[in-house]
Amino acid sequence: MALYTKEQIEKANSVNLEVYLGMRGEKLKRVGSEYTLIYRDSSGEHDSISIRGNRWYDHKNMVGGYTIKFMQEFYGLNFREAVKELLNGETPAIEHKDNNAVDNTTDRDEHKSFRLPEREPDMRRLFAYLTKARFINQKIVQAFIEKNILYQEKKHGNIVFVGTDNNGNPKSASEKATVSNNSGFKMTVSGSNSNYGFCWRGSSERLFVFEAAVDLMSFVTLNSDSWQNNSYLSIDGLSSKPLIRFLEENKMIKEINICLDYDPAGIEAAEKIRDTLLERGYMPEQINRLYPVYKDWNEQLKTENGVSPIPAKTHPKKDAYSKVIGLLIKVNEKAENSYIQWRNKCFEKYGRDFYLAQIKKTLYKIEDSVKNGGNNIKQIEAGVLRIADLSVYLMCMEGNKSYRETLCVIEKEYKVYKDKGHLSRRIEDLKREIDCLSKDMEKSGQSLFLLAKSVADTAIRTEIYIKTDYASDMERKHNFEKSPKKDVMKNEITHIKGDEEQCLTL
């Protein structure tokens, strides 16, 4: 198989994403010196991907890189497909900027000296927006102004939230519009150090962490008794970097309250932050997750002032995971189910090796279906559910727990922020876990329990992906492939016959 040369790969990686995505008709929004890509998935519309030249970063999933990786992550292409698309065969697909120019511009922005926007002495627009539109207590607004971390800038009348170090030195800043027709505008001031966030430093051991400065001030308004004693931090998005720096500079913090939004992005980020803190030595009892009643703390504050709030939103993948767990339990409670009867009869005859043999056999059929385009998605679903069920039964044997108890263990440990990847990658992960199980099948007890658990969890996550993001990913890839701008490789779809054995159907 011919390989792309280093020069071809570098050329593909130098394609300017701003230009390329504009040609494809993707929705881009200019924010300061970069662009934001607007896209949708099962959890709604997102603006978490920043684009600058040939570089990108997904703040929601905390992954980024250059153009080829973007094509793989966003459009689901493999490496060869991505390079071929970007080069259009032997020649570049589009006219793109010189790569050195792109990189130099990026470096200049990243290392540009930080300077706060000029202050406007008259802060009427700031007070009007925060106290009238957002209902934040005026005394609380004044307290932040007196700390020199909140003010109105002169040029546009935007609000500036300043992030400082422990000595009060400004290190970062973000601007937010105050006019009603542009209230969604926000941007990070050029040269900001992303390790520092807008914060209030108190003397107690308690810290409260928020996505945005307005949420922070809203929470304080809702919980204003002796609020100055505690510490509050806005991470200005979903990155844990400002939190880690804050904790390094404030060793007295013993209790961390994660107060991120009650929506899919906030749920994912809160899980990741919790795990990051545990890895750094904090104990589980030191970390709390505080949920607003509605989408965020300002929405909760709005309701107390007679304004209809944006409701909270659970995570579709966590909801789907719970649903699959419940349905697996329900099916296994039906002794008359033909699949259950077949499974139990074969186990009595062949022992636990039957489980592994069926898991491997089912995987082969799933792999064939995926290789042939994944057209028979129902068969893939039936297959991963069967693998999940058989793996759970192996766990039951080794863990001395009931089927229901075992599934509850799996669900409790599910981490939605780790649940990434397109269908082909998930099947590769499933194959790897099954290979590990196969090699160590002679083991027993906790070792085999954990191996079977990894297989079961990977299989369930594959089913969750099919139920949530698969359709939107396939639609995005289909729209990409039918684009008239490029020659697209066509997949040969082969119809795959159904399983002659009993299928686990939910």
Protein backbone atom coordinates (compact mmCIF):
# COMPACT_ATOMS: atom_id res chain seq x y z
CA MET A 1 0.00 0.00 0.00
CA ALA A 2 1.41 3.35 -1.03
CA LEU A 3 2.08 5.78 1.79
CA TYR A 4 1.81 9.54 1.83
CA THR A 5 5.15 11.29 2.05
CA LYS A 6 6.14 13.53 4.93
CA GLU A 7 5.87 16.52 2.59
CA GLN A 8 2.32 15.56 1.55
CA ILE A 9 1.26 15.14 5.18
CA GLU A 10 2.74 18.52 6.10
CA LYS A 11 0.96 20.10 3.14
CA ALA A 12 -2.37 18.57 4.22
CA ASN A 13 -1.83 19.76 7.77
CA SER A 14 -1.13 23.29 6.53
CA VAL A 15 -4.57 23.69 4.93
CA ASN A 16 -6.28 26.68 6.52
CA LEU A 17 -9.34 25.42 8.39
CA GLU A 18 -11.07 28.81 8.36
CA VAL A 19 -11.03 28.82 4.55
CA TYR A 20 -11.74 25.12 4.15
CA LEU A 21 -14.75 25.03 6.50
CA GLY A 22 -16.12 28.19 4.88
CA MET A 23 -15.98 26.44 1.50
CA ARG A 24 -17.87 23.47 2.95
CA GLY A 25 -20.62 25.75 4.22
CA GLU A 26 -19.97 25.12 7.90
CA LYS A 27 -21.19 27.79 10.31
CA LEU A 28 -18.31 29.91 11.59
CA LYS A 29 -18.51 32.83 13.99
CA ARG A 30 -15.73 35.40 14.35
CA VAL A 31 -14.62 35.87 17.97
CA GLY A 32 -11.67 38.21 18.36
CA SER A 33 -8.65 36.89 16.45
CA GLU A 34 -10.14 33.44 15.80
CA TYR A 35 -13.30 31.66 14.68
CA THR A 36 -15.77 29.46 16.52
CA LEU A 37 -17.35 26.50 14.73
CA ILE A 38 -21.07 26.10 15.43
CA TYR A 39 -22.25 22.48 15.21
CA ARG A 40 -24.88 20.13 16.60
CA ASP A 41 -24.88 16.66 18.17
CA SER A 42 -27.26 14.66 20.36
CA SER A 43 -26.90 17.10 23.27
CA GLY A 44 -27.74 20.22 21.24
CA GLU A 45 -25.89 23.09 19.55
CA HIS A 46 -22.29 23.78 20.52
CA ASP A 47 -19.75 26.55 20.00
CA SER A 48 -16.85 24.88 21.78
CA ILE A 49 -14.44 24.47 18.83
CA SER A 50 -12.01 27.35 18.25
CA ILE A 51 -10.39 27.65 14.81
CA ARG A 52 -7.28 29.70 14.05
CA GLY A 53 -5.54 29.10 10.74
CA ASN A 54 -4.62 25.43 10.54
CA ARG A 55 -5.08 24.88 14.27
CA TRP A 56 -8.18 23.98 16.28
CA TYR A 57 -9.15 23.20 19.84
CA ASP A 58 -12.35 21.65 21.20
CA HIS A 59 -12.86 23.15 24.66
CA LYS A 60 -15.76 20.80 25.40
CA ASN A 61 -13.83 17.59 24.73
CA MET A 62 -10.39 19.08 25.52
CA VAL A 63 -8.76 17.88 22.32
CA GLY A 64 -7.18 19.74 19.44
CA GLY A 65 -4.43 19.79 16.86
CA TYR A 66 -3.98 20.46 13.16
CA THR A 67 -6.12 20.00 10.07
CA ILE A 68 -5.75 16.25 9.52
CA LYS A 69 -6.80 15.42 13.07
CA PHE A 70 -9.77 17.76 12.72
CA MET A 71 -10.96 15.83 9.66
CA GLN A 72 -10.67 12.58 11.60
CA GLU A 73 -12.46 13.84 14.71
CA PHE A 74 -15.17 15.99 13.14
CA TYR A 75 -15.98 14.16 9.90
CA GLY A 76 -15.05 10.64 11.01
CA LEU A 77 -12.50 10.09 8.23
CA ASN A 78 -9.54 7.78 8.63
CA PHE A 79 -6.03 9.17 8.17
CA ARG A 80 -5.72 8.31 4.47
CA GLU A 81 -9.18 9.67 3.67
CA ALA A 82 -8.39 12.90 5.50
CA VAL A 83 -5.10 13.48 3.67
CA LYS A 84 -6.63 12.60 0.29
CA GLU A 85 -9.49 15.03 0.86
CA LEU A 86 -7.19 17.86 1.88
CA LEU A 87 -4.82 17.31 -1.06
CA ASN A 88 -7.49 16.33 -3.61
CA GLY A 89 -5.25 13.61 -4.97
CA GLU A 90 -1.85 14.97 -5.93
CA THR A 91 -2.58 18.70 -5.62
CA PRO A 92 -3.96 20.84 -2.77
CA ALA A 93 -7.75 21.04 -2.74
CA ILE A 94 -7.87 24.72 -1.96
CA GLU A 95 -5.63 27.74 -1.99
CA HIS A 96 -4.29 27.98 1.52
CA LYS A 97 -2.17 30.44 3.44
CA ASP A 98 1.53 29.88 3.91
CA ASN A 99 1.95 27.64 6.95
CA ASN A 100 4.75 29.74 8.42
CA ALA A 101 2.52 32.79 8.28
CA VAL A 102 -0.23 30.91 10.11
CA ASP A 103 2.11 29.63 12.79
CA ASN A 104 3.80 33.00 13.30
CA THR A 105 0.46 34.74 13.70
CA THR A 106 -0.62 32.17 16.26
CA ASP A 107 2.60 32.48 18.20
CA ARG A 108 2.39 36.27 18.23
CA ASP A 109 -1.14 36.10 19.65
CA GLU A 110 -0.21 33.52 22.26
CA HIS A 111 2.86 35.45 23.45
CA LYS A 112 1.51 38.95 22.97
CA SER A 113 1.92 41.14 26.02
CA PHE A 114 -1.23 41.32 28.12
CA ARG A 115 -2.88 44.71 28.47
CA LEU A 116 -6.24 45.44 30.10
CA PRO A 117 -8.78 47.40 28.01
CA GLU A 118 -9.06 51.08 28.92
CA ARG A 119 -11.48 51.80 31.76
CA GLU A 120 -14.64 53.90 31.47
CA PRO A 121 -15.17 55.93 34.68
CA ASP A 122 -18.95 55.88 34.13
CA MET A 123 -20.16 52.33 34.86
CA ARG A 124 -23.88 52.83 34.34
CA ARG A 125 -24.11 50.23 31.58
CA LEU A 126 -22.29 47.69 33.74
CA PHE A 127 -24.64 48.24 36.69
CA ALA A 128 -27.72 48.25 34.47
CA TYR A 129 -26.78 44.96 32.84
CA LEU A 130 -25.67 43.08 35.96
CA THR A 131 -28.36 44.34 38.35
CA LYS A 132 -31.35 44.84 36.02
CA ALA A 133 -30.87 42.21 33.32
CA ARG A 134 -29.07 39.64 35.45
CA PHE A 135 -30.55 40.54 38.89
CA ILE A 136 -27.20 40.44 40.71
CA ASN A 137 -27.19 42.28 44.03
CA GLN A 138 -25.79 45.80 43.65
CA LYS A 139 -23.65 45.56 46.79
CA ILE A 140 -22.03 42.40 45.44
CA VAL A 141 -21.29 44.11 42.12
CA GLN A 142 -19.74 47.01 44.02
CA ALA A 143 -17.58 44.65 46.09
CA PHE A 144 -16.00 43.18 42.95
CA ILE A 145 -15.47 46.66 41.49
CA GLU A 146 -13.66 47.74 44.65
CA LYS A 147 -11.33 44.75 44.25
CA ASN A 148 -10.38 46.15 40.81
CA ILE A 149 -11.41 42.93 39.07
CA LEU A 150 -14.64 44.22 37.50
CA TYR A 151 -15.15 47.34 35.39
CA GLN A 152 -16.63 48.78 32.17
CA GLU A 153 -14.26 49.30 29.25
CA LYS A 154 -14.29 52.56 27.31
CA LYS A 155 -14.35 51.62 23.62
CA HIS A 156 -17.51 49.48 23.45
CA GLY A 157 -18.96 49.69 26.94
CA ASN A 158 -18.33 45.97 27.53
CA ILE A 159 -17.95 44.49 31.00
CA VAL A 160 -14.42 43.31 31.81
CA PHE A 161 -13.86 40.46 34.27
CA VAL A 162 -10.23 40.36 35.42
CA GLY A 163 -8.32 37.27 36.56
CA THR A 164 -5.52 37.94 39.04
CA ASP A 165 -2.76 36.06 40.81
CA ASN A 166 -2.42 35.79 44.59
CA ASN A 167 -0.74 39.20 44.71
CA GLY A 168 -3.59 40.89 42.87
CA ASN A 169 -1.68 41.28 39.60
CA PRO A 170 -3.93 41.09 36.49
CA LYS A 171 -3.14 37.97 34.45
CA SER A 172 -6.21 37.50 32.26
CA ALA A 173 -9.45 39.22 31.28
CA SER A 174 -12.62 38.50 29.37
CA GLU A 175 -15.12 40.95 27.90
CA LYS A 176 -18.89 40.59 27.81
CA ALA A 177 -21.30 42.81 25.90
CA THR A 178 -23.94 44.82 27.78
CA VAL A 179 -26.25 45.72 24.88
CA SER A 180 -29.36 43.56 24.50
CA ASN A 181 -28.89 42.80 20.79
CA ASN A 182 -25.38 41.47 21.42
CA SER A 183 -25.65 40.09 24.95
CA GLY A 184 -24.18 36.76 23.85
CA PHE A 185 -20.88 38.35 22.82
CA LYS A 186 -17.89 37.42 24.92
CA MET A 187 -14.19 37.21 24.19
CA THR A 188 -10.89 36.68 25.94
CA VAL A 189 -8.56 39.69 25.95
CA SER A 190 -5.47 39.04 23.81
CA GLY A 191 -2.41 37.94 25.76
CA SER A 192 -4.43 36.53 28.68
CA ASN A 193 -2.87 33.73 30.72
CA SER A 194 -5.47 30.94 30.70
CA ASN A 195 -4.16 29.62 34.03
CA TYR A 196 -5.90 32.46 35.86
CA GLY A 197 -9.61 33.08 36.22
CA PHE A 198 -11.91 35.75 37.65
CA CYS A 199 -12.08 35.03 41.37
CA TRP A 200 -12.75 36.17 44.90
CA ARG A 201 -10.27 35.03 47.53
CA GLY A 202 -11.66 34.45 51.00
CA SER A 203 -10.08 33.24 54.23
CA SER A 204 -12.04 30.00 54.71
CA GLU A 205 -11.20 26.50 53.43
CA ARG A 206 -14.16 26.49 51.02
CA LEU A 207 -13.95 27.10 47.26
CA PHE A 208 -16.84 27.32 44.77
CA VAL A 209 -16.07 26.81 41.07
CA PHE A 210 -18.19 28.16 38.17
CA GLU A 211 -18.18 28.20 34.38
CA ALA A 212 -18.68 31.96 34.08
CA ALA A 213 -18.31 35.13 36.12
CA VAL A 214 -22.04 35.95 35.93
CA ASP A 215 -22.86 32.51 37.37
CA LEU A 216 -20.39 33.14 40.19
CA MET A 217 -21.96 36.47 41.09
CA SER A 218 -25.46 35.01 40.78
CA PHE A 219 -24.60 32.21 43.21
CA VAL A 220 -23.22 34.76 45.68
CA THR A 221 -26.46 36.76 45.37
CA LEU A 222 -28.46 33.60 46.13
CA ASN A 223 -26.16 32.67 49.04
CA SER A 224 -25.06 36.04 50.40
CA ASP A 225 -24.68 35.30 54.12
CA SER A 226 -21.01 35.91 55.01
CA TRP A 227 -20.13 35.21 51.40
CA GLN A 228 -16.86 37.16 51.56
CA ASN A 229 -15.30 34.49 53.80
CA ASN A 230 -15.32 31.88 51.02
CA SER A 231 -13.38 31.71 47.76
CA TYR A 232 -15.08 31.73 44.35
CA LEU A 233 -13.52 31.01 40.95
CA SER A 234 -14.77 31.29 37.37
CA ILE A 235 -12.85 29.00 35.02
CA ASP A 236 -14.33 30.90 32.03
CA GLY A 237 -15.43 27.76 30.22
CA LEU A 238 -14.69 24.15 31.03
CA SER A 239 -10.92 23.94 31.47
CA SER A 240 -9.51 22.84 34.82
CA LYS A 241 -6.30 24.88 34.40
CA PRO A 242 -7.47 27.95 36.38
CA LEU A 243 -8.66 25.67 39.19
CA ILE A 244 -5.36 23.81 39.40
CA ARG A 245 -3.39 27.07 39.55
CA PHE A 246 -5.76 28.50 42.18
CA LEU A 247 -5.34 25.43 44.39
CA GLU A 248 -1.56 25.53 43.99
CA GLU A 249 -1.53 29.15 45.19
CA ASN A 250 -4.11 28.63 47.96
CA LYS A 251 -3.08 25.53 49.90
CA MET A 252 -5.61 26.20 52.67
CA ILE A 253 -8.52 25.07 50.44
CA LYS A 254 -9.90 21.77 51.79
CA GLU A 255 -13.43 21.76 50.34
CA ILE A 256 -14.08 22.17 46.61
CA ASN A 257 -17.64 22.71 45.39
CA ILE A 258 -18.08 22.22 41.64
CA CYS A 259 -20.95 24.51 40.58
CA LEU A 260 -20.90 24.12 36.80
CA ASP A 261 -24.01 24.35 34.63
CA TYR A 262 -26.71 21.69 34.71
CA ASP A 263 -26.34 20.78 31.04
CA PRO A 264 -24.40 18.13 29.07
CA ALA A 265 -21.21 20.20 28.81
CA GLY A 266 -21.28 21.07 32.51
CA ILE A 267 -21.95 17.46 33.50
CA GLU A 268 -18.98 16.21 31.47
CA ALA A 269 -16.62 18.91 32.72
CA ALA A 270 -17.63 18.37 36.36
CA GLU A 271 -16.85 14.65 36.08
CA LYS A 272 -13.46 15.37 34.53
CA ILE A 273 -12.58 18.02 37.12
CA ARG A 274 -13.52 15.64 39.93
CA ASP A 275 -11.24 12.93 38.53
CA THR A 276 -8.43 15.46 38.05
CA LEU A 277 -8.71 16.48 41.70
CA LEU A 278 -8.73 12.86 42.87
CA GLU A 279 -5.57 12.21 40.83
CA ARG A 280 -3.94 15.17 42.58
CA GLY A 281 -4.58 13.66 46.01
CA TYR A 282 -7.88 15.20 47.11
CA MET A 283 -10.27 12.83 48.89
CA PRO A 284 -13.80 12.12 47.56
CA GLU A 285 -15.37 13.72 50.64
CA GLN A 286 -13.56 16.99 49.85
CA ILE A 287 -15.24 17.34 46.45
CA ASN A 288 -18.92 18.24 46.10
CA ARG A 289 -21.10 18.71 43.02
CA LEU A 290 -23.68 21.47 43.47
CA TYR A 291 -26.42 21.62 40.82
CA PRO A 292 -28.54 24.69 40.08
CA VAL A 293 -32.26 23.99 39.83
CA TYR A 294 -32.25 25.28 36.24
CA LYS A 295 -29.56 25.47 33.53
CA ASP A 296 -27.22 27.69 35.55
CA TRP A 297 -27.15 29.86 38.65
CA ASN A 298 -28.25 33.00 36.85
CA GLU A 299 -31.30 31.17 35.49
CA GLN A 300 -32.12 30.21 39.08
CA LEU A 301 -31.72 33.83 40.15
CA LYS A 302 -34.00 34.94 37.32
CA THR A 303 -36.86 32.77 38.59
CA GLU A 304 -36.75 34.57 41.92
CA ASN A 305 -37.35 37.77 39.97
CA GLY A 306 -40.27 36.51 37.89
CA VAL A 307 -38.42 35.61 34.69
CA SER A 308 -38.98 32.26 32.98
CA PRO A 309 -35.72 30.27 33.17
CA ILE A 310 -33.93 28.01 30.73
CA PRO A 311 -34.49 24.51 32.17
CA ALA A 312 -31.76 22.14 33.26
CA LYS A 313 -30.76 19.47 30.76
CA THR A 314 -29.51 16.01 31.60
CA HIS A 315 -26.83 14.32 29.51
CA PRO A 316 -28.33 12.22 26.67
CA LYS A 317 -25.56 9.62 26.93
CA LYS A 318 -26.03 9.16 30.67
CA ASP A 319 -29.78 8.90 30.13
CA ALA A 320 -29.26 6.34 27.37
CA TYR A 321 -26.80 4.38 29.51
CA SER A 322 -29.35 4.13 32.32
CA LYS A 323 -32.03 3.08 29.87
CA VAL A 324 -29.90 0.28 28.40
CA ILE A 325 -29.00 -0.93 31.90
CA GLY A 326 -32.68 -1.01 32.82
CA LEU A 327 -33.67 -2.86 29.67
CA LEU A 328 -30.93 -5.47 30.11
CA ILE A 329 -32.19 -6.10 33.62
CA LYS A 330 -35.77 -6.32 32.41
CA VAL A 331 -34.95 -8.83 29.66
CA ASN A 332 -33.03 -11.06 32.06
CA GLU A 333 -35.98 -11.17 34.43
CA LYS A 334 -38.04 -12.91 31.72
CA ALA A 335 -37.23 -16.62 31.97
CA GLU A 336 -39.43 -17.34 28.94
CA ASN A 337 -37.30 -15.14 26.66
CA SER A 338 -35.90 -17.39 23.89
CA TYR A 339 -32.46 -15.79 24.03
CA ILE A 340 -32.22 -16.25 27.80
CA GLN A 341 -33.25 -19.88 27.51
CA TRP A 342 -30.67 -20.51 24.77
CA ARG A 343 -27.90 -18.77 26.73
CA ASN A 344 -28.58 -20.64 29.97
CA LYS A 345 -28.87 -24.01 28.22
CA CYS A 346 -25.54 -23.54 26.41
CA PHE A 347 -23.81 -22.48 29.61
CA GLU A 348 -25.00 -25.61 31.40
CA LYS A 349 -23.58 -27.70 28.55
CA TYR A 350 -20.27 -25.93 27.83
CA GLY A 351 -19.43 -23.91 30.94
CA ARG A 352 -18.01 -20.40 31.04
CA ASP A 353 -15.94 -20.96 27.87
CA PHE A 354 -19.25 -20.71 26.04
CA TYR A 355 -19.44 -17.03 26.99
CA LEU A 356 -16.05 -16.21 25.50
CA ALA A 357 -16.71 -18.24 22.35
CA GLN A 358 -19.98 -16.39 21.74
CA ILE A 359 -18.42 -13.00 22.52
CA LYS A 360 -15.68 -13.59 19.93
CA LYS A 361 -18.09 -14.99 17.35
CA THR A 362 -20.39 -12.01 17.77
CA LEU A 363 -17.47 -9.58 17.45
CA TYR A 364 -16.47 -11.11 14.09
CA LYS A 365 -19.96 -10.46 12.73
CA ILE A 366 -19.94 -6.88 14.04
CA GLU A 367 -16.55 -6.24 12.42
CA ASP A 368 -17.79 -7.58 9.09
CA SER A 369 -20.81 -5.30 9.25
CA VAL A 370 -18.70 -2.24 10.07
CA LYS A 371 -16.20 -3.02 7.29
CA ASN A 372 -19.07 -3.20 4.82
CA GLY A 373 -20.28 0.28 5.66
CA GLY A 374 -22.26 -0.34 8.84
CA ASN A 375 -25.48 -0.42 6.85
CA ASN A 376 -27.07 -3.07 9.07
CA ILE A 377 -26.96 -1.00 12.24
CA LYS A 378 -29.65 -3.13 13.92
CA GLN A 379 -27.41 -6.18 13.68
CA ILE A 380 -24.52 -4.22 15.18
CA GLU A 381 -26.78 -3.15 18.04
CA ALA A 382 -27.94 -6.70 18.66
CA GLY A 383 -24.32 -7.83 18.64
CA VAL A 384 -22.97 -5.32 21.15
CA LEU A 385 -25.93 -5.97 23.44
CA ARG A 386 -25.21 -9.70 23.33
CA ILE A 387 -21.54 -9.07 24.14
CA ALA A 388 -22.57 -6.81 27.04
CA ASP A 389 -24.97 -9.43 28.41
CA LEU A 390 -22.49 -12.32 28.19
CA SER A 391 -19.75 -10.22 29.78
CA VAL A 392 -22.03 -9.24 32.65
CA TYR A 393 -22.75 -12.92 33.30
CA LEU A 394 -19.02 -13.59 33.49
CA MET A 395 -18.81 -10.78 36.03
CA CYS A 396 -21.65 -12.31 38.05
CA MET A 397 -19.80 -15.63 38.23
CA GLU A 398 -16.58 -14.03 39.46
CA GLY A 399 -18.04 -11.30 41.65
CA ASN A 400 -20.76 -13.30 43.41
CA LYS A 401 -23.31 -10.58 42.70
CA SER A 402 -26.70 -10.65 41.04
CA TYR A 403 -27.17 -9.52 37.44
CA ARG A 404 -28.88 -6.33 38.62
CA GLU A 405 -26.18 -5.52 41.20
CA THR A 406 -23.43 -6.10 38.65
CA LEU A 407 -24.98 -3.77 36.09
CA CYS A 408 -25.41 -1.09 38.76
CA VAL A 409 -21.65 -1.32 39.46
CA ILE A 410 -20.93 -0.72 35.77
CA GLU A 411 -23.33 2.23 35.51
CA LYS A 412 -21.99 3.91 38.65
CA GLU A 413 -18.48 4.00 37.18
CA TYR A 414 -19.50 5.29 33.74
CA LYS A 415 -17.56 8.45 32.79
CA VAL A 416 -19.31 10.33 30.02
CA TYR A 417 -16.35 12.63 29.35
CA LYS A 418 -14.27 9.57 28.42
CA ASP A 419 -16.95 8.25 26.07
CA LYS A 420 -15.60 9.55 22.74
CA GLY A 421 -15.02 8.21 19.26
CA HIS A 422 -16.83 7.18 16.10
CA LEU A 423 -18.23 3.69 15.51
CA SER A 424 -15.10 2.20 13.94
CA ARG A 425 -12.94 3.36 16.85
CA ARG A 426 -15.39 1.91 19.36
CA ILE A 427 -15.33 -1.47 17.64
CA GLU A 428 -11.51 -1.36 17.73
CA ASP A 429 -11.70 -0.65 21.47
CA LEU A 430 -14.15 -3.52 21.93
CA LYS A 431 -11.85 -5.91 20.04
CA ARG A 432 -8.89 -4.88 22.19
CA GLU A 433 -10.83 -5.51 25.42
CA ILE A 434 -12.05 -8.90 24.16
CA ASP A 435 -8.49 -9.86 23.21
CA CYS A 436 -7.37 -9.06 26.77
CA LEU A 437 -10.22 -11.15 28.16
CA SER A 438 -9.37 -14.04 25.84
CA LYS A 439 -5.69 -14.08 26.84
CA ASP A 440 -6.46 -14.17 30.55
CA MET A 441 -9.58 -16.34 30.55
CA GLU A 442 -7.84 -18.92 32.75
CA LYS A 443 -7.74 -16.34 35.54
CA SER A 444 -10.46 -16.13 38.13
CA GLY A 445 -11.74 -13.82 40.81
CA GLN A 446 -11.14 -10.06 40.68
CA SER A 447 -8.85 -10.14 37.63
CA LEU A 448 -11.40 -11.84 35.40
CA PHE A 449 -14.17 -9.68 36.88
CA LEU A 450 -12.36 -6.49 35.82
CA LEU A 451 -11.55 -7.84 32.35
CA ALA A 452 -15.18 -8.81 31.76
CA LYS A 453 -16.30 -5.45 33.16
CA SER A 454 -14.18 -3.58 30.59
CA VAL A 455 -15.75 -5.61 27.78
CA ALA A 456 -19.28 -5.02 29.10
CA ASP A 457 -18.75 -1.28 29.55
CA THR A 458 -17.20 -0.87 26.08
CA ALA A 459 -20.09 -2.79 24.51
CA ILE A 460 -22.71 -0.71 26.33
CA ARG A 461 -20.93 2.52 25.35
CA THR A 462 -21.01 1.41 21.73
CA GLU A 463 -24.77 0.91 21.99
CA ILE A 464 -25.09 4.34 23.66
CA TYR A 465 -23.21 5.95 20.79
CA ILE A 466 -25.55 4.31 18.28
CA LYS A 467 -28.56 5.61 20.22
CA THR A 468 -27.23 9.17 20.54
CA ASP A 469 -24.48 10.51 18.26
CA TYR A 470 -24.38 7.92 15.47
CA ALA A 471 -27.17 9.49 13.40
CA SER A 472 -25.71 13.02 13.55
CA ASP A 473 -22.21 11.72 12.80
CA MET A 474 -23.48 9.75 9.80
CA GLU A 475 -25.43 12.77 8.56
CA ARG A 476 -22.33 14.95 8.85
CA LYS A 477 -20.24 12.36 7.02
CA HIS A 478 -22.94 11.85 4.38
CA ASN A 479 -23.15 15.59 3.74
CA PHE A 480 -19.39 15.66 3.49
CA GLU A 481 -19.26 12.79 0.99
CA LYS A 482 -21.99 14.16 -1.29
CA SER A 483 -20.32 17.58 -1.55
CA PRO A 484 -19.96 18.58 -5.23
CA LYS A 485 -16.60 20.22 -4.52
CA LYS A 486 -14.61 17.01 -4.21
CA ASP A 487 -14.32 13.49 -5.63
CA VAL A 488 -15.43 11.24 -2.83
CA MET A 489 -14.64 7.59 -2.28
CA LYS A 490 -17.80 5.49 -2.36
CA ASN A 491 -18.37 2.61 0.03
CA GLU A 492 -19.62 -0.71 -1.26
CA ILE A 493 -22.50 -1.70 1.02
CA THR A 494 -23.14 -5.42 1.35
CA HIS A 495 -26.30 -6.74 2.91
CA ILE A 496 -25.49 -8.94 5.89
CA LYS A 497 -27.78 -11.80 6.81
CA GLY A 498 -29.26 -11.98 10.27
CA ASP A 499 -27.86 -14.14 13.05
CA GLU A 500 -29.09 -17.67 12.87
CA GLU A 501 -28.90 -17.92 16.67
CA GLN A 502 -31.12 -16.24 19.22
CA CYS A 503 -30.62 -12.46 19.33
CA LEU A 504 -30.81 -10.32 22.43
CA THR A 505 -33.39 -7.69 21.53
CA LEU A 506 -34.56 -4.87 23.77
